[in-house]
Amino acid sequence: MKYITNFLDKFIFALACVLTAVLLSMVLVQMLCRNLFNFSFTQVEEYCVLMMAWLTFLAAAYAVRHCGHVAVDFFFQKMARPVKYVLNLVTIMGLLFLTLYMTCYGYGLSMRQMKTPLPITHIPRGCMYLAVPVCSVIMALFFLDALINCIRKKSIEGVVVDTDEQIDQELESGKKLMEEVLGNDGKGGRQ
């Protein structure tokens, strides 16, 4: 699984770089032609829209792989390690199911749109929507890899969950600290 996800990671990065370079080149040529020669290519806009759709979802898949999406973790950081571990498992599984749903829905949407051509280039409109299921499959593979790593190593995103004995020792030291703070009788105050 690791070889597949590493290959997809490198492939997505390379493809996104090529698409970005082509997109920027096309826009630059279009701007120069329009401003200097009062001439514009009518197909450029449709090609740019098509490439932007693919770039958006390729970048989303790349961000999934590198944990680059925005996350609000204020409350998460205040939780105990075992809770973080369980919450990470639930989050990864939920996102895995979401990407599988996006794959099914995106495939249906893109197939329905294949019948409608773009007005100038006559490329099927479904080619633009095809980015959703293709990149969703890639994201699902990345989430599956993260889930496998989380279960095997009992960690995700640098949050290491201790073994049961370490957790028990941590709980005992916490109880001792509470007894010191509250007093030996548990009613508060030192004796």
Protein backbone atom coordinates (compact mmCIF):
# COMPACT_ATOMS: atom_id res chain seq x y z
CA MET A 1 0.00 0.00 0.00
CA LYS A 2 2.87 2.35 0.85
CA TYR A 3 4.38 1.97 -2.64
CA ILE A 4 1.08 2.80 -4.30
CA THR A 5 0.47 5.89 -2.18
CA ASN A 6 4.06 7.10 -2.61
CA PHE A 7 3.78 6.69 -6.39
CA LEU A 8 0.41 8.50 -6.45
CA ASP A 9 1.85 11.28 -4.31
CA LYS A 10 4.72 11.87 -6.75
CA PHE A 11 2.47 11.47 -9.79
CA ILE A 12 -0.08 13.99 -8.48
CA PHE A 13 2.65 16.49 -7.70
CA ALA A 14 4.22 16.15 -11.16
CA LEU A 15 0.86 16.33 -12.95
CA ALA A 16 -0.18 19.38 -10.94
CA CYS A 17 3.12 21.10 -11.77
CA VAL A 18 2.69 20.41 -15.48
CA LEU A 19 -0.95 21.56 -15.46
CA THR A 20 0.00 24.73 -13.59
CA ALA A 21 2.79 25.52 -16.05
CA VAL A 22 0.50 24.91 -19.05
CA LEU A 23 -2.30 26.94 -17.47
CA LEU A 24 -0.03 29.90 -16.70
CA SER A 25 1.51 29.74 -20.18
CA MET A 26 -1.90 29.73 -21.85
CA VAL A 27 -3.12 32.66 -19.78
CA LEU A 28 0.09 34.60 -20.46
CA VAL A 29 -0.15 34.00 -24.21
CA GLN A 30 -3.82 34.95 -24.16
CA MET A 31 -3.07 38.20 -22.30
CA LEU A 32 -0.19 39.13 -24.61
CA CYS A 33 -2.19 38.38 -27.75
CA ARG A 34 -5.21 40.30 -26.49
CA ASN A 35 -3.26 43.37 -25.36
CA LEU A 36 -0.57 43.55 -28.03
CA PHE A 37 -2.30 42.19 -31.14
CA ASN A 38 -5.99 42.72 -30.36
CA PHE A 39 -6.50 39.03 -30.99
CA SER A 40 -7.57 36.28 -28.61
CA PHE A 41 -7.89 32.54 -28.77
CA THR A 42 -11.44 31.50 -28.04
CA GLN A 43 -10.52 28.01 -26.83
CA VAL A 44 -8.15 29.15 -24.09
CA GLU A 45 -10.87 29.98 -21.58
CA GLU A 46 -12.45 26.53 -21.79
CA TYR A 47 -9.09 24.79 -21.52
CA CYS A 48 -8.23 26.92 -18.47
CA VAL A 49 -11.53 26.10 -16.76
CA LEU A 50 -10.95 22.39 -17.45
CA MET A 51 -7.42 22.53 -16.05
CA MET A 52 -8.51 24.51 -12.97
CA ALA A 53 -11.12 21.87 -12.13
CA TRP A 54 -8.50 19.14 -12.29
CA LEU A 55 -5.90 21.22 -10.42
CA THR A 56 -8.36 21.88 -7.60
CA PHE A 57 -9.05 18.23 -6.93
CA LEU A 58 -5.45 17.14 -7.50
CA ALA A 59 -4.35 19.72 -4.94
CA ALA A 60 -7.02 18.49 -2.53
CA ALA A 61 -5.72 14.92 -2.86
CA TYR A 62 -2.13 16.13 -2.37
CA ALA A 63 -3.19 18.07 0.73
CA VAL A 64 -4.90 14.95 2.12
CA ARG A 65 -1.68 13.00 1.76
CA HIS A 66 0.39 15.68 3.51
CA CYS A 67 -2.22 16.68 6.13
CA GLY A 68 -2.31 20.13 4.59
CA HIS A 69 -5.99 20.89 5.06
CA VAL A 70 -7.02 23.46 7.61
CA ALA A 71 -7.89 21.93 10.96
CA VAL A 72 -9.23 23.58 14.08
CA ASP A 73 -7.53 21.66 16.85
CA PHE A 74 -7.96 23.86 19.91
CA PHE A 75 -10.15 21.33 21.75
CA PHE A 76 -8.36 18.37 20.21
CA GLN A 77 -5.05 19.40 21.80
CA LYS A 78 -6.68 19.51 25.24
CA MET A 79 -7.92 15.90 25.03
CA ALA A 80 -6.19 12.87 26.51
CA ARG A 81 -4.08 10.77 24.19
CA PRO A 82 -6.45 7.79 24.00
CA VAL A 83 -9.32 10.12 23.13
CA LYS A 84 -7.18 11.71 20.41
CA TYR A 85 -6.44 8.28 19.00
CA VAL A 86 -10.11 7.24 18.88
CA LEU A 87 -11.14 10.62 17.47
CA ASN A 88 -8.50 10.30 14.75
CA LEU A 89 -9.76 6.83 13.85
CA VAL A 90 -13.36 8.05 13.64
CA THR A 91 -12.33 11.09 11.60
CA ILE A 92 -10.30 9.06 9.11
CA MET A 93 -13.09 6.50 8.70
CA GLY A 94 -15.67 9.25 8.22
CA LEU A 95 -13.54 10.97 5.60
CA LEU A 96 -12.91 7.63 3.90
CA PHE A 97 -16.66 7.05 3.57
CA LEU A 98 -17.13 10.64 2.36
CA THR A 99 -14.57 10.19 -0.41
CA LEU A 100 -16.19 6.90 -1.43
CA TYR A 101 -19.55 8.70 -1.62
CA MET A 102 -17.93 11.49 -3.66
CA THR A 103 -16.53 8.84 -5.99
CA CYS A 104 -19.93 7.28 -6.63
CA TYR A 105 -21.78 10.59 -6.92
CA GLY A 106 -19.03 12.22 -9.01
CA TYR A 107 -18.93 9.29 -11.41
CA GLY A 108 -22.70 9.52 -11.98
CA LEU A 109 -22.50 13.28 -12.44
CA SER A 110 -19.61 13.08 -14.89
CA MET A 111 -21.31 10.36 -16.94
CA ARG A 112 -24.50 12.45 -17.19
CA GLN A 113 -22.47 15.45 -18.31
CA MET A 114 -20.58 13.48 -20.99
CA LYS A 115 -23.52 14.03 -23.31
CA THR A 116 -23.16 17.82 -23.12
CA PRO A 117 -20.22 19.31 -25.06
CA LEU A 118 -18.49 22.55 -24.19
CA PRO A 119 -19.62 25.25 -26.67
CA ILE A 120 -16.28 26.15 -28.30
CA THR A 121 -13.96 23.15 -27.99
CA HIS A 122 -16.74 20.51 -28.09
CA ILE A 123 -14.98 18.57 -25.33
CA PRO A 124 -17.56 16.69 -23.27
CA ARG A 125 -18.41 18.67 -20.13
CA GLY A 126 -18.09 15.43 -18.17
CA CYS A 127 -14.30 15.58 -18.58
CA MET A 128 -14.32 18.51 -16.18
CA TYR A 129 -16.52 16.65 -13.67
CA LEU A 130 -14.42 13.50 -14.02
CA ALA A 131 -11.87 15.13 -11.70
CA VAL A 132 -14.24 14.50 -8.77
CA PRO A 133 -14.37 10.67 -8.89
CA VAL A 134 -10.78 10.20 -10.03
CA CYS A 135 -9.28 12.38 -7.30
CA SER A 136 -11.77 11.03 -4.74
CA VAL A 137 -10.46 7.51 -5.37
CA ILE A 138 -6.93 8.80 -4.80
CA MET A 139 -8.02 10.56 -1.59
CA ALA A 140 -9.74 7.36 -0.44
CA LEU A 141 -6.49 5.44 -0.97
CA PHE A 142 -4.63 8.06 1.06
CA PHE A 143 -7.22 7.86 3.86
CA LEU A 144 -7.05 4.05 3.79
CA ASP A 145 -3.27 4.24 4.11
CA ALA A 146 -3.62 6.68 7.04
CA LEU A 147 -6.15 4.37 8.69
CA ILE A 148 -3.84 1.37 8.33
CA ASN A 149 -0.92 3.38 9.75
CA CYS A 150 -3.06 4.66 12.60
CA ILE A 151 -4.14 1.15 13.57
CA ARG A 152 -0.67 -0.40 13.19
CA LYS A 153 1.34 2.28 14.96
CA LYS A 154 -1.40 3.60 17.25
CA SER A 155 -0.48 7.09 16.08
CA ILE A 156 -1.55 9.67 13.54
CA GLU A 157 -0.14 13.13 12.77
CA GLY A 158 2.48 12.88 15.47
CA VAL A 159 0.04 11.97 18.24
CA VAL A 160 1.43 8.79 19.75
CA VAL A 161 -0.91 6.73 21.87
CA ASP A 162 0.79 4.85 24.67
CA THR A 163 0.36 1.18 25.42
CA ASP A 164 -2.20 0.16 28.03
CA GLU A 165 0.47 -0.09 30.76
CA GLN A 166 1.76 3.40 30.02
CA ILE A 167 -1.78 4.77 30.06
CA ASP A 168 -2.42 3.09 33.43
CA GLN A 169 0.81 4.56 34.84
CA GLU A 170 -0.20 8.00 33.58
CA LEU A 171 -3.63 7.64 35.21
CA GLU A 172 -2.05 6.57 38.52
CA SER A 173 0.34 9.52 38.51
CA GLY A 174 -2.63 11.79 37.78
CA LYS A 175 -4.55 10.31 40.72
CA LYS A 176 -1.57 10.82 43.01
CA LEU A 177 -1.28 14.43 41.90
CA MET A 178 -4.99 15.01 42.55
CA GLU A 179 -4.65 13.46 46.02
CA GLU A 180 -1.77 15.80 46.79
CA VAL A 181 -3.71 18.83 45.62
CA LEU A 182 -7.01 17.88 47.30
CA GLY A 183 -5.52 16.23 50.33
CA ASN A 184 -5.48 12.57 51.30
CA ASP A 185 -9.14 12.50 52.31
CA GLY A 186 -10.29 13.87 48.94
CA LYS A 187 -12.12 16.78 50.60
CA GLY A 188 -9.56 19.41 49.76
CA GLY A 189 -6.83 21.14 51.69
CA ARG A 190 -3.51 19.79 52.86
CA GLN A 191 -3.12 17.85 56.08
